[in-house]
PDB file of N, CA and C in Angstrom:
ATOM      1  N   MET A   1     -20.034 -76.304 -66.512  1.00  0.00           N
ATOM      2  CA  MET A   1     -20.901 -75.511 -67.355  1.00  0.00           C
ATOM      3  C   MET A   1     -22.195 -76.282 -67.635  1.00  0.00           C
ATOM      4  N   GLU A   2     -23.326 -75.644 -67.457  1.00  0.00           N
ATOM      5  CA  GLU A   2     -24.609 -76.289 -67.703  1.00  0.00           C
ATOM      6  C   GLU A   2     -24.966 -76.249 -69.179  1.00  0.00           C
ATOM      7  N   THR A   3     -25.833 -77.190 -69.573  1.00  0.00           N
ATOM      8  CA  THR A   3     -26.314 -77.189 -70.943  1.00  0.00           C
ATOM      9  C   THR A   3     -27.268 -76.010 -71.134  1.00  0.00           C
ATOM     10  N   PRO A   4     -27.295 -75.441 -72.339  1.00  0.00           N
ATOM     11  CA  PRO A   4     -28.156 -74.275 -72.582  1.00  0.00           C
ATOM     12  C   PRO A   4     -29.607 -74.685 -72.829  1.00  0.00           C
ATOM     13  N   CYS A   5     -30.214 -75.352 -71.859  1.00  0.00           N
ATOM     14  CA  CYS A   5     -31.593 -75.824 -71.985  1.00  0.00           C
ATOM     15  C   CYS A   5     -32.477 -75.139 -70.950  1.00  0.00           C
ATOM     16  N   SER A   6     -33.666 -74.829 -71.358  1.00  0.00           N
ATOM     17  CA  SER A   6     -34.638 -74.265 -70.427  1.00  0.00           C
ATOM     18  C   SER A   6     -35.406 -75.416 -69.769  1.00  0.00           C
ATOM     19  N   ASN A   7     -36.217 -75.091 -68.787  1.00  0.00           N
ATOM     20  CA  ASN A   7     -37.067 -76.110 -68.165  1.00  0.00           C
ATOM     21  C   ASN A   7     -38.024 -76.706 -69.181  1.00  0.00           C
ATOM     22  N   ALA A   8     -38.501 -75.899 -70.096  1.00  0.00           N
ATOM     23  CA  ALA A   8     -39.395 -76.400 -71.144  1.00  0.00           C
ATOM     24  C   ALA A   8     -38.677 -77.409 -72.032  1.00  0.00           C
ATOM     25  N   ASP A   9     -37.416 -77.142 -72.350  1.00  0.00           N
ATOM     26  CA  ASP A   9     -36.614 -78.085 -73.143  1.00  0.00           C
ATOM     27  C   ASP A   9     -36.464 -79.408 -72.400  1.00  0.00           C
ATOM     28  N   ARG A  10     -36.189 -79.330 -71.100  1.00  0.00           N
ATOM     29  CA  ARG A  10     -36.025 -80.548 -70.293  1.00  0.00           C
ATOM     30  C   ARG A  10     -37.334 -81.325 -70.206  1.00  0.00           C
ATOM     31  N   ASP A  11     -38.435 -80.603 -70.053  1.00  0.00           N
ATOM     32  CA  ASP A  11     -39.743 -81.256 -69.996  1.00  0.00           C
ATOM     33  C   ASP A  11     -40.065 -81.966 -71.301  1.00  0.00           C
ATOM     34  N   LEU A  12     -39.769 -81.321 -72.420  1.00  0.00           N
ATOM     35  CA  LEU A  12     -40.009 -81.918 -73.731  1.00  0.00           C
ATOM     36  C   LEU A  12     -39.141 -83.154 -73.929  1.00  0.00           C
ATOM     37  N   PHE A  13     -37.876 -83.064 -73.565  1.00  0.00           N
ATOM     38  CA  PHE A  13     -36.969 -84.210 -73.672  1.00  0.00           C
ATOM     39  C   PHE A  13     -37.491 -85.376 -72.830  1.00  0.00           C
ATOM     40  N   ALA A  14     -37.902 -85.093 -71.618  1.00  0.00           N
ATOM     41  CA  ALA A  14     -38.401 -86.142 -70.721  1.00  0.00           C
ATOM     42  C   ALA A  14     -39.675 -86.782 -71.269  1.00  0.00           C
ATOM     43  N   ALA A  15     -40.515 -85.983 -71.931  1.00  0.00           N
ATOM     44  CA  ALA A  15     -41.767 -86.508 -72.466  1.00  0.00           C
ATOM     45  C   ALA A  15     -41.540 -87.489 -73.611  1.00  0.00           C
ATOM     46  N   PHE A  16     -40.443 -87.335 -74.330  1.00  0.00           N
ATOM     47  CA  PHE A  16     -40.200 -88.168 -75.500  1.00  0.00           C
ATOM     48  C   PHE A  16     -39.110 -89.212 -75.300  1.00  0.00           C
ATOM     49  N   THR A  17     -38.616 -89.344 -74.099  1.00  0.00           N
ATOM     50  CA  THR A  17     -37.588 -90.344 -73.837  1.00  0.00           C
ATOM     51  C   THR A  17     -37.942 -91.164 -72.604  1.00  0.00           C
ATOM     52  N   THR A  18     -37.366 -92.330 -72.551  1.00  0.00           N
ATOM     53  CA  THR A  18     -37.469 -93.170 -71.367  1.00  0.00           C
ATOM     54  C   THR A  18     -36.058 -93.620 -71.023  1.00  0.00           C
ATOM     55  N   VAL A  19     -35.740 -93.522 -69.772  1.00  0.00           N
ATOM     56  CA  VAL A  19     -34.432 -93.975 -69.313  1.00  0.00           C
ATOM     57  C   VAL A  19     -34.622 -95.351 -68.682  1.00  0.00           C
ATOM     58  N   THR A  20     -33.878 -96.315 -69.197  1.00  0.00           N
ATOM     59  CA  THR A  20     -33.897 -97.645 -68.617  1.00  0.00           C
ATOM     60  C   THR A  20     -32.732 -97.722 -67.645  1.00  0.00           C
ATOM     61  N   ILE A  21     -33.061 -97.986 -66.412  1.00  0.00           N
ATOM     62  CA  ILE A  21     -32.044 -97.992 -65.366  1.00  0.00           C
ATOM     63  C   ILE A  21     -31.269 -99.301 -65.378  1.00  0.00           C
ATOM     64  N   GLY A  22     -29.968 -99.144 -65.300  1.00  0.00           N
ATOM     65  CA  GLY A  22     -29.076-100.277 -65.098  1.00  0.00           C
ATOM     66  C   GLY A  22     -28.460-100.120 -63.724  1.00  0.00           C
ATOM     67  N   ASP A  23     -27.252 -99.539 -63.707  1.00  0.00           N
ATOM     68  CA  ASP A  23     -26.568 -99.326 -62.428  1.00  0.00           C
ATOM     69  C   ASP A  23     -26.969 -98.014 -61.743  1.00  0.00           C
ATOM     70  N   GLY A  24     -27.715 -97.159 -62.444  1.00  0.00           N
ATOM     71  CA  GLY A  24     -28.190 -95.906 -61.860  1.00  0.00           C
ATOM     72  C   GLY A  24     -27.133 -94.835 -61.715  1.00  0.00           C
ATOM     73  N   LYS A  25     -26.014 -94.991 -62.407  1.00  0.00           N
ATOM     74  CA  LYS A  25     -24.905 -94.047 -62.236  1.00  0.00           C
ATOM     75  C   LYS A  25     -24.870 -92.922 -63.266  1.00  0.00           C
ATOM     76  N   LYS A  26     -25.861 -92.881 -64.138  1.00  0.00           N
ATOM     77  CA  LYS A  26     -25.913 -91.808 -65.129  1.00  0.00           C
ATOM     78  C   LYS A  26     -27.210 -90.995 -65.029  1.00  0.00           C
ATOM     79  N   ALA A  27     -28.297 -91.671 -64.756  1.00  0.00           N
ATOM     80  CA  ALA A  27     -29.610 -91.010 -64.712  1.00  0.00           C
ATOM     81  C   ALA A  27     -29.775 -90.216 -63.424  1.00  0.00           C
ATOM     82  N   LYS A  28     -30.364 -89.045 -63.552  1.00  0.00           N
ATOM     83  CA  LYS A  28     -30.651 -88.216 -62.386  1.00  0.00           C
ATOM     84  C   LYS A  28     -31.961 -88.681 -61.759  1.00  0.00           C
ATOM     85  N   PHE A  29     -31.942 -88.823 -60.449  1.00  0.00           N
ATOM     86  CA  PHE A  29     -33.089 -89.345 -59.714  1.00  0.00           C
ATOM     87  C   PHE A  29     -34.359 -88.556 -60.004  1.00  0.00           C
ATOM     88  N   TRP A  30     -34.329 -87.240 -59.847  1.00  0.00           N
ATOM     89  CA  TRP A  30     -35.537 -86.427 -59.999  1.00  0.00           C
ATOM     90  C   TRP A  30     -35.849 -86.072 -61.439  1.00  0.00           C
ATOM     91  N   GLU A  31     -34.842 -85.866 -62.276  1.00  0.00           N
ATOM     92  CA  GLU A  31     -35.025 -85.274 -63.600  1.00  0.00           C
ATOM     93  C   GLU A  31     -35.187 -86.264 -64.741  1.00  0.00           C
ATOM     94  N   SER A  32     -34.735 -87.488 -64.587  1.00  0.00           N
ATOM     95  CA  SER A  32     -34.800 -88.469 -65.676  1.00  0.00           C
ATOM     96  C   SER A  32     -36.104 -89.271 -65.602  1.00  0.00           C
ATOM     97  N   SER A  33     -36.613 -89.649 -66.763  1.00  0.00           N
ATOM     98  CA  SER A  33     -37.874 -90.403 -66.831  1.00  0.00           C
ATOM     99  C   SER A  33     -37.591 -91.904 -66.735  1.00  0.00           C
ATOM    100  N   TRP A  34     -37.100 -92.313 -65.601  1.00  0.00           N
ATOM    101  CA  TRP A  34     -36.652 -93.701 -65.388  1.00  0.00           C
ATOM    102  C   TRP A  34     -37.632 -94.542 -64.569  1.00  0.00           C
ATOM    103  N   LEU A  35     -38.627 -93.949 -63.963  1.00  0.00           N
ATOM    104  CA  LEU A  35     -39.536 -94.650 -63.058  1.00  0.00           C
ATOM    105  C   LEU A  35     -40.836 -94.974 -63.797  1.00  0.00           C
ATOM    106  N   ASN A  36     -40.865 -96.134 -64.438  1.00  0.00           N
ATOM    107  CA  ASN A  36     -42.018 -96.522 -65.273  1.00  0.00           C
ATOM    108  C   ASN A  36     -42.296 -95.465 -66.335  1.00  0.00           C
ATOM    109  N   GLY A  37     -41.230 -94.875 -66.875  1.00  0.00           N
ATOM    110  CA  GLY A  37     -41.368 -93.847 -67.913  1.00  0.00           C
ATOM    111  C   GLY A  37     -41.672 -92.456 -67.376  1.00  0.00           C
ATOM    112  N   LEU A  38     -41.677 -92.312 -66.062  1.00  0.00           N
ATOM    113  CA  LEU A  38     -41.983 -91.027 -65.436  1.00  0.00           C
ATOM    114  C   LEU A  38     -40.773 -90.479 -64.694  1.00  0.00           C
ATOM    115  N   ARG A  39     -40.759 -89.173 -64.523  1.00  0.00           N
ATOM    116  CA  ARG A  39     -39.756 -88.552 -63.667  1.00  0.00           C
ATOM    117  C   ARG A  39     -40.319 -88.511 -62.250  1.00  0.00           C
ATOM    118  N   PRO A  40     -39.529 -88.876 -61.246  1.00  0.00           N
ATOM    119  CA  PRO A  40     -40.016 -88.771 -59.876  1.00  0.00           C
ATOM    120  C   PRO A  40     -40.533 -87.371 -59.533  1.00  0.00           C
ATOM    121  N   LYS A  41     -39.966 -86.338 -60.128  1.00  0.00           N
ATOM    122  CA  LYS A  41     -40.434 -84.984 -59.843  1.00  0.00           C
ATOM    123  C   LYS A  41     -41.849 -84.752 -60.364  1.00  0.00           C
ATOM    124  N   ASP A  42     -42.295 -85.543 -61.337  1.00  0.00           N
ATOM    125  CA  ASP A  42     -43.662 -85.446 -61.825  1.00  0.00           C
ATOM    126  C   ASP A  42     -44.614 -86.282 -60.971  1.00  0.00           C
ATOM    127  N   VAL A  43     -44.110 -87.348 -60.385  1.00  0.00           N
ATOM    128  CA  VAL A  43     -44.904 -88.190 -59.488  1.00  0.00           C
ATOM    129  C   VAL A  43     -45.132 -87.460 -58.160  1.00  0.00           C
ATOM    130  N   ALA A  44     -44.091 -86.779 -57.689  1.00  0.00           N
ATOM    131  CA  ALA A  44     -44.143 -86.119 -56.376  1.00  0.00           C
ATOM    132  C   ALA A  44     -43.574 -84.705 -56.456  1.00  0.00           C
ATOM    133  N   PRO A  45     -44.270 -83.781 -57.132  1.00  0.00           N
ATOM    134  CA  PRO A  45     -43.724 -82.432 -57.314  1.00  0.00           C
ATOM    135  C   PRO A  45     -43.517 -81.660 -56.010  1.00  0.00           C
ATOM    136  N   LYS A  46     -44.366 -81.873 -55.036  1.00  0.00           N
ATOM    137  CA  LYS A  46     -44.209 -81.160 -53.762  1.00  0.00           C
ATOM    138  C   LYS A  46     -42.997 -81.689 -52.988  1.00  0.00           C
ATOM    139  N   ILE A  47     -42.727 -82.974 -53.096  1.00  0.00           N
ATOM    140  CA  ILE A  47     -41.537 -83.549 -52.466  1.00  0.00           C
ATOM    141  C   ILE A  47     -40.290 -83.048 -53.197  1.00  0.00           C
ATOM    142  N   PHE A  48     -40.365 -82.977 -54.527  1.00  0.00           N
ATOM    143  CA  PHE A  48     -39.249 -82.432 -55.306  1.00  0.00           C
ATOM    144  C   PHE A  48     -38.928 -81.007 -54.872  1.00  0.00           C
ATOM    145  N   GLU A  49     -39.956 -80.194 -54.678  1.00  0.00           N
ATOM    146  CA  GLU A  49     -39.756 -78.794 -54.283  1.00  0.00           C
ATOM    147  C   GLU A  49     -38.966 -78.662 -52.986  1.00  0.00           C
ATOM    148  N   ILE A  50     -39.177 -79.573 -52.043  1.00  0.00           N
ATOM    149  CA  ILE A  50     -38.505 -79.454 -50.748  1.00  0.00           C
ATOM    150  C   ILE A  50     -37.287 -80.372 -50.625  1.00  0.00           C
ATOM    151  N   SER A  51     -36.902 -80.988 -51.739  1.00  0.00           N
ATOM    152  CA  SER A  51     -35.702 -81.821 -51.732  1.00  0.00           C
ATOM    153  C   SER A  51     -34.465 -80.930 -51.812  1.00  0.00           C
ATOM    154  N   LYS A  52     -33.462 -81.259 -51.016  1.00  0.00           N
ATOM    155  CA  LYS A  52     -32.234 -80.462 -50.977  1.00  0.00           C
ATOM    156  C   LYS A  52     -31.279 -80.786 -52.130  1.00  0.00           C
ATOM    157  N   ARG A  53     -31.309 -82.005 -52.639  1.00  0.00           N
ATOM    158  CA  ARG A  53     -30.365 -82.422 -53.673  1.00  0.00           C
ATOM    159  C   ARG A  53     -31.116 -82.825 -54.933  1.00  0.00           C
ATOM    160  N   LYS A  54     -31.403 -81.865 -55.753  1.00  0.00           N
ATOM    161  CA  LYS A  54     -32.210 -82.106 -56.940  1.00  0.00           C
ATOM    162  C   LYS A  54     -31.434 -82.751 -58.087  1.00  0.00           C
ATOM    163  N   ALA A  55     -30.117 -82.737 -58.047  1.00  0.00           N
ATOM    164  CA  ALA A  55     -29.320 -83.300 -59.135  1.00  0.00           C
ATOM    165  C   ALA A  55     -28.712 -84.657 -58.780  1.00  0.00           C
ATOM    166  N   CYS A  56     -29.208 -85.286 -57.759  1.00  0.00           N
ATOM    167  CA  CYS A  56     -28.672 -86.560 -57.289  1.00  0.00           C
ATOM    168  C   CYS A  56     -28.905 -87.668 -58.324  1.00  0.00           C
ATOM    169  N   LEU A  57     -27.939 -88.553 -58.479  1.00  0.00           N
ATOM    170  CA  LEU A  57     -28.070 -89.692 -59.384  1.00  0.00           C
ATOM    171  C   LEU A  57     -28.936 -90.777 -58.741  1.00  0.00           C
ATOM    172  N   VAL A  58     -29.546 -91.598 -59.585  1.00  0.00           N
ATOM    173  CA  VAL A  58     -30.410 -92.671 -59.093  1.00  0.00           C
ATOM    174  C   VAL A  58     -29.658 -93.575 -58.129  1.00  0.00           C
ATOM    175  N   SER A  59     -28.446 -93.972 -58.471  1.00  0.00           N
ATOM    176  CA  SER A  59     -27.691 -94.890 -57.613  1.00  0.00           C
ATOM    177  C   SER A  59     -27.462 -94.312 -56.219  1.00  0.00           C
ATOM    178  N   LYS A  60     -27.140 -93.038 -56.145  1.00  0.00           N
ATOM    179  CA  LYS A  60     -26.913 -92.379 -54.845  1.00  0.00           C
ATOM    180  C   LYS A  60     -28.209 -92.218 -54.074  1.00  0.00           C
ATOM    181  N   ALA A  61     -29.270 -91.827 -54.773  1.00  0.00           N
ATOM    182  CA  ALA A  61     -30.554 -91.595 -54.121  1.00  0.00           C
ATOM    183  C   ALA A  61     -31.141 -92.877 -53.542  1.00  0.00           C
ATOM    184  N   LEU A  62     -30.961 -93.989 -54.260  1.00  0.00           N
ATOM    185  CA  LEU A  62     -31.520 -95.252 -53.796  1.00  0.00           C
ATOM    186  C   LEU A  62     -30.643 -95.956 -52.762  1.00  0.00           C
ATOM    187  N   ASP A  63     -29.389 -95.580 -52.668  1.00  0.00           N
ATOM    188  CA  ASP A  63     -28.494 -96.183 -51.691  1.00  0.00           C
ATOM    189  C   ASP A  63     -28.991 -95.846 -50.280  1.00  0.00           C
ATOM    190  N   ASN A  64     -29.453 -96.847 -49.574  1.00  0.00           N
ATOM    191  CA  ASN A  64     -30.013 -96.671 -48.232  1.00  0.00           C
ATOM    192  C   ASN A  64     -31.143 -95.635 -48.213  1.00  0.00           C
ATOM    193  N   ASN A  65     -31.846 -95.504 -49.338  1.00  0.00           N
ATOM    194  CA  ASN A  65     -32.953 -94.536 -49.455  1.00  0.00           C
ATOM    195  C   ASN A  65     -32.521 -93.130 -49.050  1.00  0.00           C
ATOM    196  N   SER A  66     -31.333 -92.728 -49.484  1.00  0.00           N
ATOM    197  CA  SER A  66     -30.816 -91.414 -49.082  1.00  0.00           C
ATOM    198  C   SER A  66     -31.658 -90.260 -49.623  1.00  0.00           C
ATOM    199  N   TRP A  67     -32.479 -90.489 -50.640  1.00  0.00           N
ATOM    200  CA  TRP A  67     -33.356 -89.431 -51.151  1.00  0.00           C
ATOM    201  C   TRP A  67     -34.286 -88.938 -50.051  1.00  0.00           C
ATOM    202  N   ILE A  68     -34.629 -89.814 -49.117  1.00  0.00           N
ATOM    203  CA  ILE A  68     -35.535 -89.428 -48.035  1.00  0.00           C
ATOM    204  C   ILE A  68     -34.860 -88.428 -47.102  1.00  0.00           C
ATOM    205  N   SER A  69     -33.595 -88.661 -46.794  1.00  0.00           N
ATOM    206  CA  SER A  69     -32.885 -87.767 -45.875  1.00  0.00           C
ATOM    207  C   SER A  69     -32.646 -86.393 -46.483  1.00  0.00           C
ATOM    208  N   GLN A  70     -32.849 -86.257 -47.786  1.00  0.00           N
ATOM    209  CA  GLN A  70     -32.656 -84.979 -48.455  1.00  0.00           C
ATOM    210  C   GLN A  70     -33.925 -84.126 -48.492  1.00  0.00           C
ATOM    211  N   ILE A  71     -35.005 -84.639 -47.912  1.00  0.00           N
ATOM    212  CA  ILE A  71     -36.256 -83.886 -47.873  1.00  0.00           C
ATOM    213  C   ILE A  71     -36.210 -82.927 -46.688  1.00  0.00           C
ATOM    214  N   ASP A  72     -36.415 -81.652 -46.975  1.00  0.00           N
ATOM    215  CA  ASP A  72     -36.393 -80.625 -45.931  1.00  0.00           C
ATOM    216  C   ASP A  72     -37.777 -80.539 -45.293  1.00  0.00           C
ATOM    217  N   THR A  73     -37.885 -81.060 -44.101  1.00  0.00           N
ATOM    218  CA  THR A  73     -39.168 -81.061 -43.392  1.00  0.00           C
ATOM    219  C   THR A  73     -39.271 -79.929 -42.379  1.00  0.00           C
ATOM    220  N   SER A  74     -38.336 -78.993 -42.418  1.00  0.00           N
ATOM    221  CA  SER A  74     -38.297 -77.931 -41.410  1.00  0.00           C
ATOM    222  C   SER A  74     -39.544 -77.037 -41.420  1.00  0.00           C
ATOM    223  N   GLN A  75     -40.206 -76.930 -42.559  1.00  0.00           N
ATOM    224  CA  GLN A  75     -41.413 -76.105 -42.662  1.00  0.00           C
ATOM    225  C   GLN A  75     -42.679 -76.930 -42.446  1.00  0.00           C
ATOM    226  N   GLY A  76     -42.494 -78.201 -42.150  1.00  0.00           N
ATOM    227  CA  GLY A  76     -43.641 -79.080 -41.959  1.00  0.00           C
ATOM    228  C   GLY A  76     -44.084 -79.702 -43.272  1.00  0.00           C
ATOM    229  N   LEU A  77     -44.916 -80.723 -43.167  1.00  0.00           N
ATOM    230  CA  LEU A  77     -45.419 -81.424 -44.342  1.00  0.00           C
ATOM    231  C   LEU A  77     -46.941 -81.351 -44.366  1.00  0.00           C
ATOM    232  N   SER A  78     -47.471 -81.148 -45.552  1.00  0.00           N
ATOM    233  CA  SER A  78     -48.924 -81.125 -45.724  1.00  0.00           C
ATOM    234  C   SER A  78     -49.409 -82.535 -46.062  1.00  0.00           C
ATOM    235  N   LEU A  79     -50.700 -82.716 -46.099  1.00  0.00           N
ATOM    236  CA  LEU A  79     -51.277 -83.985 -46.518  1.00  0.00           C
ATOM    237  C   LEU A  79     -50.853 -84.310 -47.945  1.00  0.00           C
ATOM    238  N   ASP A  80     -50.770 -83.291 -48.808  1.00  0.00           N
ATOM    239  CA  ASP A  80     -50.310 -83.500 -50.185  1.00  0.00           C
ATOM    240  C   ASP A  80     -48.884 -84.056 -50.211  1.00  0.00           C
ATOM    241  N   HIS A  81     -48.011 -83.509 -49.366  1.00  0.00           N
ATOM    242  CA  HIS A  81     -46.642 -84.023 -49.282  1.00  0.00           C
ATOM    243  C   HIS A  81     -46.647 -85.504 -48.918  1.00  0.00           C
ATOM    244  N   ILE A  82     -47.427 -85.845 -47.918  1.00  0.00           N
ATOM    245  CA  ILE A  82     -47.451 -87.224 -47.430  1.00  0.00           C
ATOM    246  C   ILE A  82     -48.021 -88.167 -48.492  1.00  0.00           C
ATOM    247  N   GLN A  83     -49.057 -87.736 -49.189  1.00  0.00           N
ATOM    248  CA  GLN A  83     -49.635 -88.569 -50.248  1.00  0.00           C
ATOM    249  C   GLN A  83     -48.645 -88.775 -51.391  1.00  0.00           C
ATOM    250  N   GLU A  84     -47.957 -87.712 -51.780  1.00  0.00           N
ATOM    251  CA  GLU A  84     -46.963 -87.827 -52.851  1.00  0.00           C
ATOM    252  C   GLU A  84     -45.799 -88.710 -52.416  1.00  0.00           C
ATOM    253  N   PHE A  85     -45.354 -88.536 -51.187  1.00  0.00           N
ATOM    254  CA  PHE A  85     -44.275 -89.373 -50.669  1.00  0.00           C
ATOM    255  C   PHE A  85     -44.678 -90.844 -50.724  1.00  0.00           C
ATOM    256  N   ALA A  86     -45.883 -91.160 -50.272  1.00  0.00           N
ATOM    257  CA  ALA A  86     -46.358 -92.543 -50.266  1.00  0.00           C
ATOM    258  C   ALA A  86     -46.437 -93.113 -51.686  1.00  0.00           C
ATOM    259  N   ALA A  87     -46.909 -92.311 -52.640  1.00  0.00           N
ATOM    260  CA  ALA A  87     -46.997 -92.768 -54.025  1.00  0.00           C
ATOM    261  C   ALA A  87     -45.606 -93.049 -54.590  1.00  0.00           C
ATOM    262  N   LEU A  88     -44.668 -92.134 -54.358  1.00  0.00           N
ATOM    263  CA  LEU A  88     -43.304 -92.319 -54.849  1.00  0.00           C
ATOM    264  C   LEU A  88     -42.645 -93.504 -54.166  1.00  0.00           C
ATOM    265  N   TRP A  89     -42.788 -93.604 -52.863  1.00  0.00           N
ATOM    266  CA  TRP A  89     -42.221 -94.721 -52.102  1.00  0.00           C
ATOM    267  C   TRP A  89     -42.715 -96.059 -52.666  1.00  0.00           C
ATOM    268  N   GLY A  90     -44.008 -96.143 -52.916  1.00  0.00           N
ATOM    269  CA  GLY A  90     -44.580 -97.377 -53.456  1.00  0.00           C
ATOM    270  C   GLY A  90     -43.981 -97.745 -54.805  1.00  0.00           C
ATOM    271  N   MET A  91     -43.808 -96.768 -55.675  1.00  0.00           N
ATOM    272  CA  MET A  91     -43.219 -97.033 -56.988  1.00  0.00           C
ATOM    273  C   MET A  91     -41.764 -97.450 -56.863  1.00  0.00           C
ATOM    274  N   LEU A  92     -41.043 -96.850 -55.936  1.00  0.00           N
ATOM    275  CA  LEU A  92     -39.617 -97.158 -55.775  1.00  0.00           C
ATOM    276  C   LEU A  92     -39.385 -98.562 -55.221  1.00  0.00           C
ATOM    277  N   GLN A  93     -40.377 -99.130 -54.564  1.00  0.00           N
ATOM    278  CA  GLN A  93     -40.223-100.472 -54.010  1.00  0.00           C
ATOM    279  C   GLN A  93     -40.088-101.529 -55.100  1.00  0.00           C
ATOM    280  N   GLU A  94     -40.497-101.175 -56.309  1.00  0.00           N
ATOM    281  CA  GLU A  94     -40.423-102.094 -57.446  1.00  0.00           C
ATOM    282  C   GLU A  94     -39.093-101.999 -58.200  1.00  0.00           C
ATOM    283  N   VAL A  95     -38.230-101.080 -57.798  1.00  0.00           N
ATOM    284  CA  VAL A  95     -36.990-100.808 -58.534  1.00  0.00           C
ATOM    285  C   VAL A  95     -35.840-101.641 -57.995  1.00  0.00           C
ATOM    286  N   THR A  96     -35.113-102.258 -58.921  1.00  0.00           N
ATOM    287  CA  THR A  96     -33.894-102.980 -58.585  1.00  0.00           C
ATOM    288  C   THR A  96     -32.821-102.546 -59.575  1.00  0.00           C
ATOM    289  N   LEU A  97     -31.697-102.104 -59.059  1.00  0.00           N
ATOM    290  CA  LEU A  97     -30.592-101.727 -59.942  1.00  0.00           C
ATOM    291  C   LEU A  97     -29.892-102.979 -60.457  1.00  0.00           C
ATOM    292  N   SER A  98     -29.369-102.895 -61.674  1.00  0.00           N
ATOM    293  CA  SER A  98     -28.587-103.976 -62.284  1.00  0.00           C
ATOM    294  C   SER A  98     -27.157-103.480 -62.428  1.00  0.00           C
ATOM    295  N   LEU A  99     -26.326-103.845 -61.491  1.00  0.00           N
ATOM    296  CA  LEU A  99     -24.967-103.306 -61.453  1.00  0.00           C
ATOM    297  C   LEU A  99     -24.113-103.715 -62.644  1.00  0.00           C
ATOM    298  N   ASP A 100     -24.523-104.707 -63.390  1.00  0.00           N
ATOM    299  CA  ASP A 100     -23.744-105.153 -64.546  1.00  0.00           C
ATOM    300  C   ASP A 100     -24.185-104.465 -65.847  1.00  0.00           C
ATOM    301  N   ARG A 101     -25.168-103.552 -65.782  1.00  0.00           N
ATOM    302  CA  ARG A 101     -25.628-102.812 -66.950  1.00  0.00           C
ATOM    303  C   ARG A 101     -25.569-101.310 -66.697  1.00  0.00           C
ATOM    304  N   LYS A 102     -25.338-100.558 -67.745  1.00  0.00           N
ATOM    305  CA  LYS A 102     -25.361 -99.106 -67.653  1.00  0.00           C
ATOM    306  C   LYS A 102     -26.776 -98.599 -67.952  1.00  0.00           C
ATOM    307  N   ASP A 103     -27.089 -97.412 -67.504  1.00  0.00           N
ATOM    308  CA  ASP A 103     -28.365 -96.779 -67.815  1.00  0.00           C
ATOM    309  C   ASP A 103     -28.424 -96.510 -69.324  1.00  0.00           C
ATOM    310  N   MET A 104     -29.630 -96.596 -69.893  1.00  0.00           N
ATOM    311  CA  MET A 104     -29.799 -96.339 -71.319  1.00  0.00           C
ATOM    312  C   MET A 104     -30.947 -95.362 -71.544  1.00  0.00           C
ATOM    313  N   ILE A 105     -30.769 -94.480 -72.522  1.00  0.00           N
ATOM    314  CA  ILE A 105     -31.825 -93.548 -72.921  1.00  0.00           C
ATOM    315  C   ILE A 105     -32.446 -94.071 -74.206  1.00  0.00           C
ATOM    316  N   LEU A 106     -33.754 -94.238 -74.183  1.00  0.00           N
ATOM    317  CA  LEU A 106     -34.484 -94.749 -75.360  1.00  0.00           C
ATOM    318  C   LEU A 106     -35.417 -93.691 -75.897  1.00  0.00           C
TER     319      LEU A 106
END
């Protein structure tokens, strides 16, 4: 059963919270504000739109960069897609999971 929240509710929650990543097993890759206080879906909205697994956890998405394999390129990619991908990729290069800590919402 899903929580009774609208997209506006989720956006408001994300704007006022920051998720500190530990092991990445609780935070959602696209929906949580764990990437320097931002949600990856806000950094790369066009990539989010064509992602097949929008509810993937950070730990799963970062494992062997599996988030990349979930991008549906069947319709082709625009320059905007490529620019957003590059921006997100660059930010993700700074991320290291801490397997001895759990994710925290602040």
